[in-house]
Amino acid sequence: MAQDKPTVESLLKQGYDVVGVFPSDAGPGILLEDDDGDRLMMCFVAETPQSAEIVTQYCKPVR
């Protein structure tokens, strides 16, 4: 079974904290850090005036 792609919501449920936000050409960026402080994830989100919620486009680990 394929592992689900991480989202901002799933990372927050795993104990990650938002440690930064920033604008980018890929959409608003959110930097999340795990409870131990040894893993960082960078996520990009998107929304439109018609959308019911802001959705995660993708997340990637920061190495």
Foldseek 3Di string as FASTA:
>chain_A
DDDDFDWPVNVVVQAWDFDDWDQDPQAIKTWTAHPVRPWIKIWHWDDDPPDPDITTPHIDTDD
